[in-house]
N, C-alpha and C. Protein backbone atom coordinates (compact mmCIF):
# COMPACT_ATOMS: atom_id res chain seq x y z
N MET A 1 114.89 111.52 118.53
CA MET A 1 115.55 110.23 118.60
C MET A 1 116.28 109.96 117.30
N ARG A 2 117.46 109.52 117.43
CA ARG A 2 118.30 109.19 116.27
C ARG A 2 118.12 107.72 115.92
N ILE A 3 117.93 107.42 114.65
CA ILE A 3 117.79 106.04 114.19
C ILE A 3 119.17 105.57 113.74
N GLU A 4 119.67 104.53 114.43
CA GLU A 4 121.05 104.09 114.19
C GLU A 4 121.17 102.68 113.64
N THR A 5 120.07 101.90 113.68
CA THR A 5 120.14 100.52 113.20
C THR A 5 118.97 100.25 112.24
N GLU A 6 119.12 99.19 111.46
CA GLU A 6 118.04 98.80 110.56
C GLU A 6 116.79 98.41 111.35
N ARG A 7 116.98 97.80 112.49
CA ARG A 7 115.83 97.43 113.32
C ARG A 7 115.08 98.68 113.79
N GLU A 8 115.81 99.71 114.21
CA GLU A 8 115.18 100.96 114.62
C GLU A 8 114.44 101.60 113.44
N LEU A 9 115.04 101.50 112.26
CA LEU A 9 114.39 102.02 111.06
C LEU A 9 113.11 101.25 110.78
N LEU A 10 113.15 99.94 110.92
CA LEU A 10 111.96 99.11 110.74
C LEU A 10 110.86 99.52 111.72
N VAL A 11 111.21 99.68 112.98
CA VAL A 11 110.21 100.07 113.98
C VAL A 11 109.61 101.42 113.61
N ASN A 12 110.43 102.35 113.18
CA ASN A 12 109.93 103.66 112.77
C ASN A 12 108.97 103.52 111.58
N GLU A 13 109.34 102.70 110.61
CA GLU A 13 108.46 102.48 109.44
C GLU A 13 107.14 101.83 109.86
N LEU A 14 107.20 100.90 110.79
CA LEU A 14 105.98 100.27 111.30
C LEU A 14 105.08 101.29 112.01
N LYS A 15 105.70 102.19 112.76
CA LYS A 15 104.93 103.24 113.43
C LYS A 15 104.25 104.15 112.41
N THR A 16 104.96 104.43 111.33
CA THR A 16 104.38 105.24 110.26
C THR A 16 103.22 104.50 109.60
N ALA A 17 103.41 103.20 109.34
CA ALA A 17 102.35 102.39 108.74
C ALA A 17 101.12 102.38 109.65
N TYR A 18 101.35 102.28 110.93
CA TYR A 18 100.25 102.27 111.90
C TYR A 18 99.48 103.59 111.83
N PHE A 19 100.22 104.69 111.78
CA PHE A 19 99.59 106.01 111.64
C PHE A 19 98.78 106.08 110.35
N VAL A 20 99.38 105.64 109.25
CA VAL A 20 98.71 105.71 107.95
C VAL A 20 97.41 104.91 107.98
N GLU A 21 97.46 103.70 108.49
CA GLU A 21 96.26 102.86 108.52
C GLU A 21 95.18 103.47 109.41
N LYS A 22 95.56 103.96 110.58
CA LYS A 22 94.57 104.56 111.49
C LYS A 22 93.97 105.82 110.86
N ARG A 23 94.81 106.64 110.27
CA ARG A 23 94.33 107.89 109.65
C ARG A 23 93.43 107.57 108.47
N LEU A 24 93.84 106.58 107.68
CA LEU A 24 93.06 106.19 106.52
C LEU A 24 91.68 105.68 106.94
N LEU A 25 91.62 104.97 108.02
CA LEU A 25 90.34 104.47 108.51
C LEU A 25 89.37 105.63 108.78
N ASN A 26 89.87 106.67 109.42
CA ASN A 26 89.05 107.86 109.66
C ASN A 26 88.63 108.53 108.36
N ASP A 27 89.59 108.69 107.45
CA ASP A 27 89.31 109.37 106.18
C ASP A 27 88.33 108.58 105.33
N LEU A 28 88.49 107.26 105.28
CA LEU A 28 87.57 106.43 104.50
C LEU A 28 86.15 106.52 105.04
N ASN A 29 86.03 106.52 106.36
CA ASN A 29 84.70 106.64 106.96
C ASN A 29 84.05 107.97 106.61
N GLU A 30 84.85 109.03 106.54
CA GLU A 30 84.32 110.34 106.15
C GLU A 30 83.89 110.33 104.68
N MET A 31 84.72 109.75 103.82
CA MET A 31 84.38 109.70 102.39
C MET A 31 83.13 108.87 102.15
N LYS A 32 83.02 107.78 102.87
CA LYS A 32 81.89 106.87 102.70
C LYS A 32 80.57 107.59 102.95
N LYS A 33 80.57 108.56 103.83
CA LYS A 33 79.35 109.29 104.16
C LYS A 33 78.84 110.15 103.01
N VAL A 34 79.74 110.64 102.17
CA VAL A 34 79.34 111.59 101.13
C VAL A 34 79.35 111.02 99.71
N VAL A 35 79.93 109.85 99.52
CA VAL A 35 80.00 109.25 98.18
C VAL A 35 78.61 108.78 97.77
N ARG A 36 78.23 109.12 96.54
CA ARG A 36 76.91 108.72 96.04
C ARG A 36 76.97 107.49 95.14
N ASN A 37 78.11 107.27 94.51
CA ASN A 37 78.27 106.11 93.63
C ASN A 37 78.30 104.84 94.48
N GLU A 38 77.34 103.96 94.23
CA GLU A 38 77.20 102.75 95.05
C GLU A 38 78.43 101.85 94.99
N GLU A 39 79.01 101.69 93.82
CA GLU A 39 80.17 100.83 93.68
C GLU A 39 81.37 101.41 94.43
N LEU A 40 81.58 102.70 94.32
CA LEU A 40 82.68 103.33 95.05
C LEU A 40 82.43 103.25 96.55
N ARG A 41 81.20 103.45 96.98
CA ARG A 41 80.88 103.34 98.40
C ARG A 41 81.14 101.91 98.90
N ARG A 42 80.81 100.92 98.08
CA ARG A 42 81.05 99.52 98.45
C ARG A 42 82.55 99.27 98.59
N LEU A 43 83.33 99.77 97.62
CA LEU A 43 84.79 99.59 97.70
C LEU A 43 85.37 100.28 98.93
N ILE A 44 84.89 101.48 99.21
CA ILE A 44 85.37 102.20 100.40
C ILE A 44 84.98 101.44 101.66
N SER A 45 83.77 100.93 101.73
CA SER A 45 83.34 100.15 102.90
C SER A 45 84.20 98.91 103.07
N ASN A 46 84.44 98.21 101.96
CA ASN A 46 85.30 97.03 102.02
C ASN A 46 86.70 97.39 102.50
N HIS A 47 87.20 98.53 102.01
CA HIS A 47 88.55 98.92 102.41
C HIS A 47 88.58 99.34 103.88
N CYS A 48 87.50 99.90 104.38
CA CYS A 48 87.43 100.21 105.82
C CYS A 48 87.59 98.93 106.64
N GLU A 49 86.87 97.88 106.23
CA GLU A 49 86.98 96.60 106.93
C GLU A 49 88.39 96.04 106.84
N GLN A 50 88.98 96.12 105.65
CA GLN A 50 90.36 95.64 105.47
C GLN A 50 91.32 96.44 106.33
N THR A 51 91.12 97.74 106.38
CA THR A 51 92.02 98.60 107.14
C THR A 51 91.96 98.28 108.62
N GLU A 52 90.79 97.95 109.13
CA GLU A 52 90.68 97.53 110.53
C GLU A 52 91.51 96.27 110.77
N VAL A 53 91.49 95.36 109.82
CA VAL A 53 92.31 94.14 109.92
C VAL A 53 93.79 94.50 109.86
N HIS A 54 94.15 95.44 108.99
CA HIS A 54 95.54 95.87 108.88
C HIS A 54 96.04 96.45 110.21
N VAL A 55 95.21 97.26 110.83
CA VAL A 55 95.57 97.84 112.13
C VAL A 55 95.81 96.73 113.15
N THR A 56 94.93 95.76 113.18
CA THR A 56 95.06 94.63 114.11
C THR A 56 96.34 93.85 113.83
N ARG A 57 96.64 93.61 112.56
CA ARG A 57 97.88 92.89 112.21
C ARG A 57 99.11 93.68 112.66
N LEU A 58 99.08 94.99 112.44
CA LEU A 58 100.22 95.81 112.87
C LEU A 58 100.37 95.79 114.38
N GLU A 59 99.27 95.81 115.10
CA GLU A 59 99.34 95.72 116.56
C GLU A 59 99.96 94.39 116.98
N THR A 60 99.63 93.33 116.27
CA THR A 60 100.23 92.02 116.54
C THR A 60 101.73 92.06 116.28
N VAL A 61 102.12 92.68 115.18
CA VAL A 61 103.55 92.80 114.85
C VAL A 61 104.28 93.55 115.96
N PHE A 62 103.69 94.65 116.44
CA PHE A 62 104.32 95.40 117.53
C PHE A 62 104.51 94.53 118.77
N ARG A 63 103.49 93.75 119.11
CA ARG A 63 103.62 92.85 120.27
C ARG A 63 104.74 91.83 120.04
N GLU A 64 104.78 91.29 118.84
CA GLU A 64 105.77 90.25 118.52
C GLU A 64 107.21 90.78 118.61
N ILE A 65 107.41 92.02 118.21
CA ILE A 65 108.78 92.56 118.25
C ILE A 65 109.07 93.30 119.54
N GLY A 66 108.08 93.34 120.44
CA GLY A 66 108.30 93.92 121.76
C GLY A 66 108.31 95.43 121.79
N HIS A 67 107.50 96.06 120.94
CA HIS A 67 107.42 97.53 120.92
C HIS A 67 105.99 97.98 121.11
N TYR A 68 105.87 99.10 121.79
CA TYR A 68 104.57 99.73 121.93
C TYR A 68 104.19 100.33 120.59
N ARG A 69 102.93 100.31 120.26
CA ARG A 69 102.48 100.72 118.93
C ARG A 69 102.22 102.22 118.81
N HIS A 70 103.19 103.03 119.05
CA HIS A 70 103.01 104.47 118.84
C HIS A 70 102.83 104.73 117.35
N GLU A 71 102.41 105.93 117.09
CA GLU A 71 102.28 106.35 115.70
C GLU A 71 103.37 107.36 115.41
N THR A 72 103.89 107.30 114.20
CA THR A 72 104.79 108.32 113.70
C THR A 72 104.09 108.93 112.49
N LYS A 73 103.83 110.22 112.57
CA LYS A 73 103.08 110.87 111.50
C LYS A 73 103.78 110.71 110.15
N SER A 74 102.96 110.63 109.12
CA SER A 74 103.44 110.56 107.76
C SER A 74 103.15 111.90 107.09
N PRO A 75 104.19 112.66 106.76
CA PRO A 75 103.95 113.94 106.10
C PRO A 75 103.22 113.79 104.76
N VAL A 76 103.45 112.69 104.08
CA VAL A 76 102.78 112.47 102.80
C VAL A 76 101.27 112.31 103.01
N ILE A 77 100.88 111.49 103.96
CA ILE A 77 99.46 111.28 104.22
C ILE A 77 98.82 112.55 104.79
N GLU A 78 99.55 113.26 105.62
CA GLU A 78 99.04 114.53 106.15
C GLU A 78 98.77 115.52 105.01
N ALA A 79 99.70 115.59 104.05
CA ALA A 79 99.53 116.50 102.91
C ALA A 79 98.34 116.08 102.05
N LEU A 80 98.20 114.79 101.81
CA LEU A 80 97.05 114.30 101.03
C LEU A 80 95.74 114.62 101.74
N ASN A 81 95.73 114.47 103.05
CA ASN A 81 94.52 114.76 103.80
C ASN A 81 94.18 116.25 103.74
N GLN A 82 95.18 117.09 103.85
CA GLN A 82 94.94 118.53 103.73
C GLN A 82 94.41 118.87 102.34
N ASN A 83 94.98 118.21 101.33
CA ASN A 83 94.52 118.41 99.96
C ASN A 83 93.06 118.00 99.82
N ARG A 84 92.71 116.84 100.37
CA ARG A 84 91.33 116.37 100.32
C ARG A 84 90.40 117.36 101.00
N GLU A 85 90.77 117.81 102.18
CA GLU A 85 89.91 118.74 102.93
C GLU A 85 89.71 120.06 102.18
N SER A 86 90.77 120.57 101.56
CA SER A 86 90.63 121.84 100.84
C SER A 86 89.79 121.68 99.58
N PHE A 87 89.93 120.56 98.90
CA PHE A 87 89.13 120.34 97.69
C PHE A 87 87.67 120.06 98.01
N GLU A 88 87.40 119.42 99.12
CA GLU A 88 86.01 119.15 99.49
C GLU A 88 85.20 120.43 99.59
N GLU A 89 85.86 121.49 99.97
CA GLU A 89 85.16 122.76 100.14
C GLU A 89 84.81 123.42 98.82
N ILE A 90 85.56 123.11 97.76
CA ILE A 90 85.34 123.83 96.50
C ILE A 90 84.80 122.95 95.37
N LEU A 91 84.85 121.64 95.52
CA LEU A 91 84.37 120.76 94.45
C LEU A 91 82.85 120.65 94.45
N VAL A 92 82.29 120.67 93.26
CA VAL A 92 80.86 120.40 93.15
C VAL A 92 80.65 118.91 93.38
N PRO A 93 79.51 118.50 93.89
CA PRO A 93 79.28 117.09 94.23
C PRO A 93 79.59 116.10 93.11
N ASP A 94 79.29 116.46 91.87
CA ASP A 94 79.54 115.52 90.77
C ASP A 94 81.03 115.23 90.57
N LEU A 95 81.89 116.15 90.93
CA LEU A 95 83.33 115.94 90.79
C LEU A 95 83.95 115.24 91.99
N ARG A 96 83.26 115.23 93.11
CA ARG A 96 83.80 114.60 94.31
C ARG A 96 84.06 113.11 94.10
N GLU A 97 83.14 112.45 93.41
CA GLU A 97 83.28 111.01 93.18
C GLU A 97 84.60 110.72 92.46
N HIS A 98 84.85 111.47 91.40
CA HIS A 98 86.08 111.30 90.63
C HIS A 98 87.30 111.64 91.49
N PHE A 99 87.20 112.72 92.23
CA PHE A 99 88.31 113.13 93.11
C PHE A 99 88.60 112.07 94.16
N TYR A 100 87.56 111.54 94.82
CA TYR A 100 87.75 110.50 95.84
C TYR A 100 88.34 109.23 95.24
N LEU A 101 87.88 108.86 94.07
CA LEU A 101 88.42 107.68 93.42
C LEU A 101 89.91 107.86 93.16
N ASN A 102 90.31 109.01 92.65
CA ASN A 102 91.73 109.28 92.41
C ASN A 102 92.53 109.33 93.71
N MET A 103 91.93 109.90 94.76
CA MET A 103 92.62 109.93 96.06
C MET A 103 92.84 108.52 96.58
N CYS A 104 91.82 107.68 96.45
CA CYS A 104 91.95 106.29 96.92
C CYS A 104 93.03 105.55 96.16
N VAL A 105 93.10 105.74 94.85
CA VAL A 105 94.15 105.10 94.05
C VAL A 105 95.52 105.58 94.51
N THR A 106 95.66 106.87 94.73
CA THR A 106 96.94 107.42 95.18
C THR A 106 97.35 106.83 96.52
N VAL A 107 96.42 106.76 97.45
CA VAL A 107 96.72 106.23 98.78
C VAL A 107 97.10 104.75 98.69
N GLU A 108 96.40 103.99 97.85
CA GLU A 108 96.75 102.57 97.70
C GLU A 108 98.17 102.41 97.20
N ARG A 109 98.56 103.22 96.26
CA ARG A 109 99.93 103.14 95.73
C ARG A 109 100.95 103.47 96.82
N ILE A 110 100.64 104.46 97.62
CA ILE A 110 101.53 104.82 98.73
C ILE A 110 101.62 103.65 99.71
N GLU A 111 100.49 103.06 100.05
CA GLU A 111 100.51 101.94 101.00
C GLU A 111 101.27 100.74 100.45
N ILE A 112 101.12 100.47 99.17
CA ILE A 112 101.85 99.36 98.55
C ILE A 112 103.34 99.59 98.68
N THR A 113 103.78 100.78 98.34
CA THR A 113 105.21 101.11 98.46
C THR A 113 105.67 101.01 99.90
N MET A 114 104.86 101.50 100.82
CA MET A 114 105.18 101.46 102.25
C MET A 114 105.38 100.02 102.72
N TYR A 115 104.44 99.13 102.38
CA TYR A 115 104.56 97.74 102.82
C TYR A 115 105.71 97.02 102.13
N GLU A 116 105.96 97.32 100.88
CA GLU A 116 107.12 96.71 100.21
C GLU A 116 108.42 97.10 100.92
N ARG A 117 108.53 98.35 101.30
CA ARG A 117 109.71 98.84 102.02
C ARG A 117 109.86 98.14 103.37
N ILE A 118 108.75 98.02 104.09
CA ILE A 118 108.78 97.39 105.41
C ILE A 118 109.14 95.91 105.29
N ILE A 119 108.56 95.23 104.33
CA ILE A 119 108.86 93.81 104.14
C ILE A 119 110.33 93.62 103.82
N HIS A 120 110.88 94.48 103.00
CA HIS A 120 112.32 94.40 102.70
C HIS A 120 113.14 94.56 103.98
N LEU A 121 112.74 95.48 104.83
CA LEU A 121 113.46 95.67 106.09
C LEU A 121 113.32 94.45 107.00
N THR A 122 112.14 93.81 107.02
CA THR A 122 111.98 92.62 107.87
C THR A 122 112.91 91.51 107.40
N GLU A 123 113.13 91.43 106.11
CA GLU A 123 114.07 90.43 105.58
C GLU A 123 115.49 90.77 105.99
N THR A 124 115.84 92.03 105.95
CA THR A 124 117.18 92.48 106.32
C THR A 124 117.46 92.26 107.80
N VAL A 125 116.45 92.55 108.63
CA VAL A 125 116.59 92.42 110.08
C VAL A 125 116.42 90.96 110.52
N GLU A 126 115.90 90.14 109.63
CA GLU A 126 115.69 88.72 109.88
C GLU A 126 114.74 88.48 111.06
N LEU A 127 113.53 89.00 110.91
CA LEU A 127 112.50 88.76 111.91
C LEU A 127 111.78 87.46 111.61
N ASP A 128 110.99 87.03 112.55
CA ASP A 128 110.21 85.81 112.41
C ASP A 128 109.36 85.85 111.14
N ALA A 129 109.24 84.71 110.47
CA ALA A 129 108.48 84.63 109.21
C ALA A 129 107.02 85.02 109.41
N GLU A 130 106.47 84.76 110.59
CA GLU A 130 105.07 85.11 110.85
C GLU A 130 104.85 86.62 110.75
N ILE A 131 105.81 87.39 111.21
CA ILE A 131 105.71 88.85 111.12
C ILE A 131 105.68 89.28 109.67
N GLU A 132 106.57 88.70 108.88
CA GLU A 132 106.59 89.02 107.46
C GLU A 132 105.28 88.61 106.79
N ASN A 133 104.71 87.49 107.22
CA ASN A 133 103.43 87.04 106.66
C ASN A 133 102.31 88.03 106.93
N PHE A 134 102.24 88.57 108.15
CA PHE A 134 101.22 89.58 108.47
C PHE A 134 101.35 90.78 107.53
N LEU A 135 102.57 91.22 107.34
CA LEU A 135 102.82 92.39 106.50
C LEU A 135 102.54 92.09 105.03
N THR A 136 102.88 90.88 104.60
CA THR A 136 102.61 90.48 103.22
C THR A 136 101.11 90.39 102.97
N GLU A 137 100.34 89.93 103.96
CA GLU A 137 98.89 89.90 103.82
C GLU A 137 98.34 91.32 103.64
N ASN A 138 98.87 92.26 104.42
CA ASN A 138 98.45 93.66 104.25
C ASN A 138 98.79 94.15 102.85
N LEU A 139 99.99 93.84 102.39
CA LEU A 139 100.42 94.25 101.05
C LEU A 139 99.49 93.68 99.98
N GLU A 140 99.18 92.42 100.08
CA GLU A 140 98.31 91.79 99.09
C GLU A 140 96.91 92.41 99.10
N ASP A 141 96.42 92.73 100.29
CA ASP A 141 95.12 93.41 100.39
C ASP A 141 95.16 94.76 99.68
N GLU A 142 96.26 95.48 99.85
CA GLU A 142 96.39 96.80 99.21
C GLU A 142 96.42 96.66 97.69
N LYS A 143 97.12 95.66 97.20
CA LYS A 143 97.18 95.44 95.75
C LYS A 143 95.80 95.09 95.20
N GLU A 144 95.07 94.28 95.93
CA GLU A 144 93.72 93.90 95.51
C GLU A 144 92.80 95.13 95.50
N ALA A 145 92.91 95.96 96.52
CA ALA A 145 92.09 97.18 96.58
C ALA A 145 92.42 98.10 95.41
N LEU A 146 93.70 98.23 95.08
CA LEU A 146 94.10 99.07 93.95
C LEU A 146 93.50 98.53 92.65
N ASN A 147 93.56 97.23 92.45
CA ASN A 147 92.99 96.63 91.24
C ASN A 147 91.49 96.90 91.15
N ASP A 148 90.79 96.78 92.27
CA ASP A 148 89.35 97.05 92.28
C ASP A 148 89.06 98.51 91.93
N LEU A 149 89.86 99.41 92.48
CA LEU A 149 89.68 100.84 92.18
C LEU A 149 89.97 101.14 90.72
N ARG A 150 91.00 100.51 90.18
CA ARG A 150 91.33 100.72 88.77
C ARG A 150 90.19 100.25 87.87
N LYS A 151 89.59 99.10 88.19
CA LYS A 151 88.46 98.60 87.40
C LYS A 151 87.31 99.61 87.42
N LEU A 152 87.07 100.20 88.56
CA LEU A 152 85.99 101.17 88.69
C LEU A 152 86.29 102.43 87.87
N SER A 153 87.55 102.78 87.76
CA SER A 153 87.91 104.00 87.04
C SER A 153 87.97 103.82 85.52
N GLU A 154 87.88 102.58 85.07
CA GLU A 154 87.91 102.32 83.63
C GLU A 154 86.59 102.76 83.00
N PRO A 155 86.68 103.31 81.79
CA PRO A 155 85.43 103.76 81.11
C PRO A 155 84.55 102.60 80.70
């Protein structure tokens, strides 16, 4: 399918965001099972709950704009997931915590950029303010999660 309008680009970006959030939910649940650091496990658990809300908000956005909520794969997230899977096999348990923390920070930065891009497109396409509000709430949640992860990574 060829993308010819800003609205089509927005829908494609939303589909990618939906994929990212759903994939992240699976990945976070997997990480939560093996993380030993209580604070990191708590942050991951909190982010799982937030991510479920993000998925619900995106589903609402899809309904509001009259599109089915398909997923469009994100090559960036797929590559990060492959990287995580390959490192899990070779990292000693003590290094996994540090690796997962860095992976979470990286993913948060990607999500922040993703939502900033989508919000800009919603302004360009001039969608209902409520749609932009849902996306802005997701963005703010991502920024908060990044700040929490950064605090944990400080010495």
